[in-house]
């Protein structure tokens, strides 16, 4: 997450100090944690699928399929990392 975006989030949350807004930020943090768990679970499935494609006879040993599996894993990993960064920024702004 770019530093400029982090500071913008911090500024918005700091300027908004009513309880309803703070509660909505806390709900967003919990939603992001669910997103991270979903990404991590999906990564486990992607790893299993990757292993299955490498076992001869299980799935087609297709290079395009392997490439798609790798890209999907990469994007899931980046999504989880970005969500974690956003959680850190939001939690910091609440303190």
PDB file of N, CA and C in Angstrom:
ATOM      1  N   UNK A   1       0.848  -1.175   0.000  1.00  0.00           N
ATOM      2  CA  UNK A   1       0.000   0.000   0.000  1.00  0.00           C
ATOM      3  C   UNK A   1       0.892   1.236   0.000  1.00  0.00           C
ATOM      4  N   UNK A   2       0.695   2.130  -0.955  1.00  0.00           N
ATOM      5  CA  UNK A   2       1.533   3.337  -1.037  1.00  0.00           C
ATOM      6  C   UNK A   2       1.419   4.197   0.221  1.00  0.00           C
ATOM      7  N   UNK A   3       2.537   4.824   0.589  1.00  0.00           N
ATOM      8  CA  UNK A   3       2.587   5.658   1.795  1.00  0.00           C
ATOM      9  C   UNK A   3       1.546   6.782   1.762  1.00  0.00           C
ATOM     10  N   UNK A   4       1.332   7.371   0.583  1.00  0.00           N
ATOM     11  CA  UNK A   4       0.361   8.462   0.463  1.00  0.00           C
ATOM     12  C   UNK A   4      -1.029   7.968   0.858  1.00  0.00           C
ATOM     13  N   UNK A   5      -1.399   6.774   0.409  1.00  0.00           N
ATOM     14  CA  UNK A   5      -2.712   6.220   0.759  1.00  0.00           C
ATOM     15  C   UNK A   5      -2.821   5.967   2.258  1.00  0.00           C
ATOM     16  N   UNK A   6      -1.735   5.463   2.861  1.00  0.00           N
ATOM     17  CA  UNK A   6      -1.732   5.219   4.304  1.00  0.00           C
ATOM     18  C   UNK A   6      -1.990   6.513   5.064  1.00  0.00           C
ATOM     19  N   UNK A   7      -1.279   7.585   4.669  1.00  0.00           N
ATOM     20  CA  UNK A   7      -1.465   8.848   5.386  1.00  0.00           C
ATOM     21  C   UNK A   7      -2.842   9.437   5.164  1.00  0.00           C
ATOM     22  N   UNK A   8      -3.415   9.211   3.986  1.00  0.00           N
ATOM     23  CA  UNK A   8      -4.778   9.694   3.737  1.00  0.00           C
ATOM     24  C   UNK A   8      -5.771   8.970   4.641  1.00  0.00           C
ATOM     25  N   UNK A   9      -5.606   7.661   4.787  1.00  0.00           N
ATOM     26  CA  UNK A   9      -6.499   6.891   5.663  1.00  0.00           C
ATOM     27  C   UNK A   9      -6.360   7.372   7.096  1.00  0.00           C
ATOM     28  N   UNK A  10      -5.117   7.540   7.551  1.00  0.00           N
ATOM     29  CA  UNK A  10      -4.879   8.024   8.916  1.00  0.00           C
ATOM     30  C   UNK A  10      -5.544   9.370   9.147  1.00  0.00           C
ATOM     31  N   UNK A  11      -5.425  10.263   8.189  1.00  0.00           N
ATOM     32  CA  UNK A  11      -5.980  11.618   8.318  1.00  0.00           C
ATOM     33  C   UNK A  11      -7.502  11.581   8.419  1.00  0.00           C
ATOM     34  N   UNK A  12      -8.130  10.776   7.575  1.00  0.00           N
ATOM     35  CA  UNK A  12      -9.602  10.681   7.588  1.00  0.00           C
ATOM     36  C   UNK A  12     -10.084  10.153   8.930  1.00  0.00           C
ATOM     37  N   UNK A  13      -9.458   9.086   9.404  1.00  0.00           N
ATOM     38  CA  UNK A  13      -9.903   8.479  10.662  1.00  0.00           C
ATOM     39  C   UNK A  13      -9.654   9.411  11.833  1.00  0.00           C
ATOM     40  N   UNK A  14      -8.513  10.094  11.854  1.00  0.00           N
ATOM     41  CA  UNK A  14      -8.207  11.009  12.958  1.00  0.00           C
ATOM     42  C   UNK A  14      -9.163  12.204  12.990  1.00  0.00           C
ATOM     43  N   UNK A  15      -9.584  12.673  11.825  1.00  0.00           N
ATOM     44  CA  UNK A  15     -10.480  13.825  11.760  1.00  0.00           C
ATOM     45  C   UNK A  15     -11.914  13.461  12.124  1.00  0.00           C
ATOM     46  N   UNK A  16     -12.225  12.206  12.058  1.00  0.00           N
ATOM     47  CA  UNK A  16     -13.587  11.730  12.311  1.00  0.00           C
ATOM     48  C   UNK A  16     -13.573  11.030  13.656  1.00  0.00           C
ATOM     49  N   UNK A  17     -14.058  11.663  14.701  1.00  0.00           N
ATOM     50  CA  UNK A  17     -13.936  11.019  16.007  1.00  0.00           C
ATOM     51  C   UNK A  17     -15.275  10.685  16.650  1.00  0.00           C
ATOM     52  N   UNK A  18     -16.324  10.538  15.860  1.00  0.00           N
ATOM     53  CA  UNK A  18     -17.573  10.121  16.486  1.00  0.00           C
ATOM     54  C   UNK A  18     -17.600   8.594  16.609  1.00  0.00           C
ATOM     55  N   UNK A  19     -18.323   8.123  17.578  1.00  0.00           N
ATOM     56  CA  UNK A  19     -18.320   6.703  17.926  1.00  0.00           C
ATOM     57  C   UNK A  19     -18.845   5.823  16.792  1.00  0.00           C
ATOM     58  N   UNK A  20     -19.833   6.309  16.061  1.00  0.00           N
ATOM     59  CA  UNK A  20     -20.390   5.519  14.955  1.00  0.00           C
ATOM     60  C   UNK A  20     -19.322   5.258  13.887  1.00  0.00           C
ATOM     61  N   UNK A  21     -18.551   6.276  13.590  1.00  0.00           N
ATOM     62  CA  UNK A  21     -17.484   6.120  12.598  1.00  0.00           C
ATOM     63  C   UNK A  21     -16.415   5.152  13.110  1.00  0.00           C
ATOM     64  N   UNK A  22     -16.034   5.311  14.371  1.00  0.00           N
ATOM     65  CA  UNK A  22     -15.026   4.426  14.969  1.00  0.00           C
ATOM     66  C   UNK A  22     -15.507   2.979  14.937  1.00  0.00           C
ATOM     67  N   UNK A  23     -16.778   2.764  15.249  1.00  0.00           N
ATOM     68  CA  UNK A  23     -17.328   1.402  15.201  1.00  0.00           C
ATOM     69  C   UNK A  23     -17.302   0.844  13.777  1.00  0.00           C
ATOM     70  N   UNK A  24     -17.576   1.694  12.789  1.00  0.00           N
ATOM     71  CA  UNK A  24     -17.556   1.221  11.406  1.00  0.00           C
ATOM     72  C   UNK A  24     -16.131   0.850  10.983  1.00  0.00           C
ATOM     73  N   UNK A  25     -15.135   1.582  11.481  1.00  0.00           N
ATOM     74  CA  UNK A  25     -13.740   1.238  11.189  1.00  0.00           C
ATOM     75  C   UNK A  25     -13.409  -0.122  11.806  1.00  0.00           C
ATOM     76  N   UNK A  26     -13.887  -0.354  13.026  1.00  0.00           N
ATOM     77  CA  UNK A  26     -13.646  -1.645  13.682  1.00  0.00           C
ATOM     78  C   UNK A  26     -14.295  -2.789  12.909  1.00  0.00           C
ATOM     79  N   UNK A  27     -15.474  -2.546  12.367  1.00  0.00           N
ATOM     80  CA  UNK A  27     -16.150  -3.569  11.544  1.00  0.00           C
ATOM     81  C   UNK A  27     -15.330  -3.831  10.281  1.00  0.00           C
ATOM     82  N   UNK A  28     -14.801  -2.779   9.689  1.00  0.00           N
ATOM     83  CA  UNK A  28     -13.970  -2.949   8.491  1.00  0.00           C
ATOM     84  C   UNK A  28     -12.708  -3.754   8.800  1.00  0.00           C
ATOM     85  N   UNK A  29     -12.135  -3.527   9.966  1.00  0.00           N
ATOM     86  CA  UNK A  29     -10.950  -4.295  10.369  1.00  0.00           C
ATOM     87  C   UNK A  29     -11.305  -5.775  10.465  1.00  0.00           C
ATOM     88  N   UNK A  30     -12.437  -6.082  11.075  1.00  0.00           N
ATOM     89  CA  UNK A  30     -12.863  -7.488  11.186  1.00  0.00           C
ATOM     90  C   UNK A  30     -13.139  -8.086   9.807  1.00  0.00           C
ATOM     91  N   UNK A  31     -13.726  -7.306   8.916  1.00  0.00           N
ATOM     92  CA  UNK A  31     -13.981  -7.779   7.546  1.00  0.00           C
ATOM     93  C   UNK A  31     -12.671  -8.067   6.814  1.00  0.00           C
ATOM     94  N   UNK A  32     -11.680  -7.216   7.023  1.00  0.00           N
ATOM     95  CA  UNK A  32     -10.375  -7.439   6.401  1.00  0.00           C
ATOM     96  C   UNK A  32      -9.707  -8.696   6.949  1.00  0.00           C
ATOM     97  N   UNK A  33      -9.904  -8.964   8.232  1.00  0.00           N
ATOM     98  CA  UNK A  33      -9.356 -10.199   8.821  1.00  0.00           C
ATOM     99  C   UNK A  33     -10.010 -11.430   8.188  1.00  0.00           C
ATOM    100  N   UNK A  34     -11.299 -11.349   7.920  1.00  0.00           N
ATOM    101  CA  UNK A  34     -11.998 -12.446   7.240  1.00  0.00           C
ATOM    102  C   UNK A  34     -11.437 -12.614   5.823  1.00  0.00           C
ATOM    103  N   UNK A  35     -11.203 -11.506   5.140  1.00  0.00           N
ATOM    104  CA  UNK A  35     -10.617 -11.555   3.800  1.00  0.00           C
ATOM    105  C   UNK A  35      -9.254 -12.240   3.836  1.00  0.00           C
ATOM    106  N   UNK A  36      -8.439 -11.900   4.820  1.00  0.00           N
ATOM    107  CA  UNK A  36      -7.111 -12.522   4.949  1.00  0.00           C
ATOM    108  C   UNK A  36      -7.247 -14.021   5.163  1.00  0.00           C
ATOM    109  N   UNK A  37      -8.154 -14.426   6.051  1.00  0.00           N
ATOM    110  CA  UNK A  37      -8.364 -15.862   6.296  1.00  0.00           C
ATOM    111  C   UNK A  37      -8.823 -16.573   5.033  1.00  0.00           C
ATOM    112  N   UNK A  38      -9.699 -15.935   4.268  1.00  0.00           N
ATOM    113  CA  UNK A  38     -10.177 -16.518   3.013  1.00  0.00           C
ATOM    114  C   UNK A  38      -9.023 -16.670   2.021  1.00  0.00           C
ATOM    115  N   UNK A  39      -8.197 -15.651   1.915  1.00  0.00           N
ATOM    116  CA  UNK A  39      -7.032 -15.732   1.020  1.00  0.00           C
ATOM    117  C   UNK A  39      -6.093 -16.849   1.451  1.00  0.00           C
ATOM    118  N   UNK A  40      -5.846 -16.946   2.759  1.00  0.00           N
ATOM    119  CA  UNK A  40      -4.945 -17.990   3.246  1.00  0.00           C
ATOM    120  C   UNK A  40      -5.506 -19.380   2.995  1.00  0.00           C
ATOM    121  N   UNK A  41      -6.811 -19.560   3.186  1.00  0.00           N
ATOM    122  CA  UNK A  41      -7.441 -20.849   2.896  1.00  0.00           C
ATOM    123  C   UNK A  41      -7.362 -21.164   1.404  1.00  0.00           C
ATOM    124  N   UNK A  42      -7.580 -20.151   0.590  1.00  0.00           N
ATOM    125  CA  UNK A  42      -7.502 -20.334  -0.861  1.00  0.00           C
ATOM    126  C   UNK A  42      -6.078 -20.680  -1.291  1.00  0.00           C
ATOM    127  N   UNK A  43      -5.090 -20.089  -0.624  1.00  0.00           N
ATOM    128  CA  UNK A  43      -3.699 -20.410  -0.944  1.00  0.00           C
ATOM    129  C   UNK A  43      -3.383 -21.872  -0.650  1.00  0.00           C
ATOM    130  N   UNK A  44      -3.956 -22.402   0.427  1.00  0.00           N
ATOM    131  CA  UNK A  44      -3.780 -23.825   0.737  1.00  0.00           C
ATOM    132  C   UNK A  44      -4.359 -24.669  -0.395  1.00  0.00           C
ATOM    133  N   UNK A  45      -5.540 -24.306  -0.871  1.00  0.00           N
ATOM    134  CA  UNK A  45      -6.163 -25.027  -1.993  1.00  0.00           C
ATOM    135  C   UNK A  45      -5.317 -24.916  -3.255  1.00  0.00           C
ATOM    136  N   UNK A  46      -4.790 -23.729  -3.511  1.00  0.00           N
ATOM    137  CA  UNK A  46      -3.937 -23.512  -4.684  1.00  0.00           C
ATOM    138  C   UNK A  46      -2.693 -24.391  -4.593  1.00  0.00           C
ATOM    139  N   UNK A  47      -2.098 -24.477  -3.405  1.00  0.00           N
ATOM    140  CA  UNK A  47      -0.918 -25.323  -3.222  1.00  0.00           C
ATOM    141  C   UNK A  47      -1.249 -26.788  -3.493  1.00  0.00           C
ATOM    142  N   UNK A  48      -2.417 -27.218  -2.990  1.00  0.00           N
ATOM    143  CA  UNK A  48      -2.826 -28.601  -3.229  1.00  0.00           C
ATOM    144  C   UNK A  48      -3.064 -28.852  -4.717  1.00  0.00           C
ATOM    145  N   UNK A  49      -3.696 -27.906  -5.378  1.00  0.00           N
ATOM    146  CA  UNK A  49      -3.940 -28.035  -6.808  1.00  0.00           C
ATOM    147  C   UNK A  49      -2.616 -28.074  -7.573  1.00  0.00           C
ATOM    148  N   UNK A  50      -1.683 -27.258  -7.161  1.00  0.00           N
ATOM    149  CA  UNK A  50      -0.369 -27.235  -7.787  1.00  0.00           C
ATOM    150  C   UNK A  50       0.322 -28.591  -7.645  1.00  0.00           C
ATOM    151  N   UNK A  51       0.230 -29.177  -6.460  1.00  0.00           N
ATOM    152  CA  UNK A  51       0.810 -30.510  -6.243  1.00  0.00           C
ATOM    153  C   UNK A  51       0.126 -31.548  -7.123  1.00  0.00           C
ATOM    154  N   UNK A  52      -1.199 -31.459  -7.226  1.00  0.00           N
ATOM    155  CA  UNK A  52      -1.956 -32.414  -8.031  1.00  0.00           C
ATOM    156  C   UNK A  52      -1.580 -32.331  -9.510  1.00  0.00           C
ATOM    157  N   UNK A  53      -1.322 -31.123  -9.994  1.00  0.00           N
ATOM    158  CA  UNK A  53      -0.976 -30.987 -11.414  1.00  0.00           C
ATOM    159  C   UNK A  53       0.406 -31.550 -11.692  1.00  0.00           C
ATOM    160  N   UNK A  54       1.230 -31.652 -10.653  1.00  0.00           N
ATOM    161  CA  UNK A  54       2.576 -32.170 -10.883  1.00  0.00           C
ATOM    162  C   UNK A  54       2.621 -33.702 -10.798  1.00  0.00           C
ATOM    163  N   UNK A  55       1.558 -34.329 -10.295  1.00  0.00           N
ATOM    164  CA  UNK A  55       1.501 -35.790 -10.234  1.00  0.00           C
ATOM    165  C   UNK A  55       0.966 -36.302 -11.564  1.00  0.00           C
ATOM    166  N   UNK A  56       1.766 -37.089 -12.220  1.00  0.00           N
ATOM    167  CA  UNK A  56       1.404 -37.570 -13.551  1.00  0.00           C
ATOM    168  C   UNK A  56       0.105 -38.366 -13.505  1.00  0.00           C
ATOM    169  N   UNK A  57      -0.791 -38.050 -14.402  1.00  0.00           N
ATOM    170  CA  UNK A  57      -2.043 -38.781 -14.515  1.00  0.00           C
ATOM    171  C   UNK A  57      -3.202 -38.175 -13.741  1.00  0.00           C
ATOM    172  N   UNK A  58      -2.941 -37.270 -12.786  1.00  0.00           N
ATOM    173  CA  UNK A  58      -4.042 -36.681 -12.008  1.00  0.00           C
ATOM    174  C   UNK A  58      -4.765 -35.596 -12.786  1.00  0.00           C
ATOM    175  N   UNK A  59      -4.027 -34.637 -13.239  1.00  0.00           N
ATOM    176  CA  UNK A  59      -4.579 -33.527 -14.016  1.00  0.00           C
ATOM    177  C   UNK A  59      -3.672 -33.300 -15.213  1.00  0.00           C
ATOM    178  N   UNK A  60      -4.187 -32.649 -16.216  1.00  0.00           N
ATOM    179  CA  UNK A  60      -3.318 -32.396 -17.372  1.00  0.00           C
ATOM    180  C   UNK A  60      -2.071 -31.623 -16.955  1.00  0.00           C
ATOM    181  N   UNK A  61      -0.945 -32.083 -17.425  1.00  0.00           N
ATOM    182  CA  UNK A  61       0.317 -31.411 -17.120  1.00  0.00           C
ATOM    183  C   UNK A  61       0.488 -30.248 -18.090  1.00  0.00           C
ATOM    184  N   UNK A  62      -0.378 -29.261 -17.920  1.00  0.00           N
ATOM    185  CA  UNK A  62      -0.483 -28.141 -18.843  1.00  0.00           C
ATOM    186  C   UNK A  62       0.276 -26.936 -18.278  1.00  0.00           C
ATOM    187  N   UNK A  63       1.194 -26.390 -19.048  1.00  0.00           N
ATOM    188  CA  UNK A  63       1.978 -25.234 -18.594  1.00  0.00           C
ATOM    189  C   UNK A  63       1.090 -24.008 -18.358  1.00  0.00           C
ATOM    190  N   UNK A  64       0.057 -23.823 -19.175  1.00  0.00           N
ATOM    191  CA  UNK A  64      -0.853 -22.687 -18.967  1.00  0.00           C
ATOM    192  C   UNK A  64      -1.586 -22.813 -17.642  1.00  0.00           C
ATOM    193  N   UNK A  65      -2.003 -24.021 -17.306  1.00  0.00           N
ATOM    194  CA  UNK A  65      -2.683 -24.253 -16.033  1.00  0.00           C
ATOM    195  C   UNK A  65      -1.746 -23.935 -14.877  1.00  0.00           C
ATOM    196  N   UNK A  66      -0.505 -24.379 -14.976  1.00  0.00           N
ATOM    197  CA  UNK A  66       0.474 -24.094 -13.923  1.00  0.00           C
ATOM    198  C   UNK A  66       0.705 -22.584 -13.783  1.00  0.00           C
ATOM    199  N   UNK A  67       0.739 -21.905 -14.929  1.00  0.00           N
ATOM    200  CA  UNK A  67       0.937 -20.447 -14.911  1.00  0.00           C
ATOM    201  C   UNK A  67      -0.248 -19.758 -14.219  1.00  0.00           C
ATOM    202  N   UNK A  68      -1.457 -20.180 -14.541  1.00  0.00           N
ATOM    203  CA  UNK A  68      -2.666 -19.603 -13.925  1.00  0.00           C
ATOM    204  C   UNK A  68      -2.676 -19.864 -12.424  1.00  0.00           C
ATOM    205  N   UNK A  69      -2.317 -21.081 -12.028  1.00  0.00           N
ATOM    206  CA  UNK A  69      -2.257 -21.426 -10.603  1.00  0.00           C
ATOM    207  C   UNK A  69      -1.254 -20.514  -9.888  1.00  0.00           C
ATOM    208  N   UNK A  70      -0.087 -20.334 -10.503  1.00  0.00           N
ATOM    209  CA  UNK A  70       0.939 -19.472  -9.907  1.00  0.00           C
ATOM    210  C   UNK A  70       0.486 -18.026  -9.784  1.00  0.00           C
ATOM    211  N   UNK A  71      -0.155 -17.510 -10.816  1.00  0.00           N
ATOM    212  CA  UNK A  71      -0.635 -16.122 -10.787  1.00  0.00           C
ATOM    213  C   UNK A  71      -1.740 -15.951  -9.750  1.00  0.00           C
ATOM    214  N   UNK A  72      -2.620 -16.933  -9.661  1.00  0.00           N
ATOM    215  CA  UNK A  72      -3.701 -16.861  -8.673  1.00  0.00           C
ATOM    216  C   UNK A  72      -3.121 -16.831  -7.261  1.00  0.00           C
ATOM    217  N   UNK A  73      -2.159 -17.689  -7.009  1.00  0.00           N
ATOM    218  CA  UNK A  73      -1.497 -17.702  -5.706  1.00  0.00           C
ATOM    219  C   UNK A  73      -0.839 -16.375  -5.393  1.00  0.00           C
ATOM    220  N   UNK A  74      -0.165 -15.812  -6.381  1.00  0.00           N
ATOM    221  CA  UNK A  74       0.499 -14.520  -6.202  1.00  0.00           C
ATOM    222  C   UNK A  74      -0.513 -13.439  -5.827  1.00  0.00           C
ATOM    223  N   UNK A  75      -1.624 -13.379  -6.552  1.00  0.00           N
ATOM    224  CA  UNK A  75      -2.619 -12.327  -6.294  1.00  0.00           C
ATOM    225  C   UNK A  75      -3.315 -12.530  -4.948  1.00  0.00           C
ATOM    226  N   UNK A  76      -3.561 -13.771  -4.573  1.00  0.00           N
ATOM    227  CA  UNK A  76      -4.138 -14.033  -3.251  1.00  0.00           C
ATOM    228  C   UNK A  76      -3.179 -13.574  -2.158  1.00  0.00           C
ATOM    229  N   UNK A  77      -1.910 -13.859  -2.346  1.00  0.00           N
ATOM    230  CA  UNK A  77      -0.896 -13.463  -1.371  1.00  0.00           C
ATOM    231  C   UNK A  77      -0.810 -11.944  -1.257  1.00  0.00           C
ATOM    232  N   UNK A  78      -0.816 -11.244  -2.391  1.00  0.00           N
ATOM    233  CA  UNK A  78      -0.761  -9.777  -2.385  1.00  0.00           C
ATOM    234  C   UNK A  78      -2.017  -9.173  -1.741  1.00  0.00           C
ATOM    235  N   UNK A  79      -3.170  -9.771  -2.024  1.00  0.00           N
ATOM    236  CA  UNK A  79      -4.420  -9.272  -1.436  1.00  0.00           C
ATOM    237  C   UNK A  79      -4.358  -9.376   0.085  1.00  0.00           C
ATOM    238  N   UNK A  80      -3.903 -10.526   0.571  1.00  0.00           N
ATOM    239  CA  UNK A  80      -3.797 -10.723   2.021  1.00  0.00           C
ATOM    240  C   UNK A  80      -2.799  -9.737   2.634  1.00  0.00           C
ATOM    241  N   UNK A  81      -1.680  -9.528   1.970  1.00  0.00           N
ATOM    242  CA  UNK A  81      -0.666  -8.607   2.490  1.00  0.00           C
ATOM    243  C   UNK A  81      -1.183  -7.167   2.515  1.00  0.00           C
ATOM    244  N   UNK A  82      -1.882  -6.766   1.472  1.00  0.00           N
ATOM    245  CA  UNK A  82      -2.442  -5.412   1.426  1.00  0.00           C
ATOM    246  C   UNK A  82      -3.508  -5.227   2.502  1.00  0.00           C
ATOM    247  N   UNK A  83      -4.344  -6.243   2.683  1.00  0.00           N
ATOM    248  CA  UNK A  83      -5.371  -6.173   3.722  1.00  0.00           C
ATOM    249  C   UNK A  83      -4.720  -6.047   5.100  1.00  0.00           C
ATOM    250  N   UNK A  84      -3.621  -6.774   5.323  1.00  0.00           N
ATOM    251  CA  UNK A  84      -2.921  -6.694   6.603  1.00  0.00           C
ATOM    252  C   UNK A  84      -2.335  -5.305   6.825  1.00  0.00           C
ATOM    253  N   UNK A  85      -1.787  -4.719   5.767  1.00  0.00           N
ATOM    254  CA  UNK A  85      -1.262  -3.350   5.867  1.00  0.00           C
ATOM    255  C   UNK A  85      -2.375  -2.372   6.228  1.00  0.00           C
ATOM    256  N   UNK A  86      -3.518  -2.525   5.584  1.00  0.00           N
ATOM    257  CA  UNK A  86      -4.648  -1.634   5.852  1.00  0.00           C
ATOM    258  C   UNK A  86      -5.137  -1.797   7.287  1.00  0.00           C
ATOM    259  N   UNK A  87      -5.176  -3.033   7.775  1.00  0.00           N
ATOM    260  CA  UNK A  87      -5.553  -3.263   9.176  1.00  0.00           C
ATOM    261  C   UNK A  87      -4.601  -2.506  10.095  1.00  0.00           C
ATOM    262  N   UNK A  88      -3.310  -2.614   9.827  1.00  0.00           N
ATOM    263  CA  UNK A  88      -2.320  -1.922  10.667  1.00  0.00           C
ATOM    264  C   UNK A  88      -2.547  -0.419  10.674  1.00  0.00           C
ATOM    265  N   UNK A  89      -2.815   0.152   9.506  1.00  0.00           N
ATOM    266  CA  UNK A  89      -3.051   1.591   9.404  1.00  0.00           C
ATOM    267  C   UNK A  89      -4.317   1.975  10.167  1.00  0.00           C
ATOM    268  N   UNK A  90      -5.379   1.194   9.985  1.00  0.00           N
ATOM    269  CA  UNK A  90      -6.644   1.510  10.660  1.00  0.00           C
ATOM    270  C   UNK A  90      -6.513   1.375  12.175  1.00  0.00           C
ATOM    271  N   UNK A  91      -5.854   0.316  12.634  1.00  0.00           N
ATOM    272  CA  UNK A  91      -5.675   0.136  14.079  1.00  0.00           C
ATOM    273  C   UNK A  91      -4.831   1.260  14.667  1.00  0.00           C
ATOM    274  N   UNK A  92      -3.802   1.659  13.929  1.00  0.00           N
ATOM    275  CA  UNK A  92      -2.946   2.765  14.375  1.00  0.00           C
ATOM    276  C   UNK A  92      -3.750   4.061  14.482  1.00  0.00           C
ATOM    277  N   UNK A  93      -4.651   4.262  13.550  1.00  0.00           N
ATOM    278  CA  UNK A  93      -5.424   5.501  13.534  1.00  0.00           C
ATOM    279  C   UNK A  93      -6.451   5.553  14.660  1.00  0.00           C
ATOM    280  N   UNK A  94      -6.853   4.382  15.152  1.00  0.00           N
ATOM    281  CA  UNK A  94      -7.834   4.361  16.242  1.00  0.00           C
ATOM    282  C   UNK A  94      -7.202   4.669  17.595  1.00  0.00           C
ATOM    283  N   UNK A  95      -5.889   4.536  17.675  1.00  0.00           N
ATOM    284  CA  UNK A  95      -5.196   4.775  18.958  1.00  0.00           C
ATOM    285  C   UNK A  95      -4.860   6.229  19.157  1.00  0.00           C
TER     286      UNK A  95
END
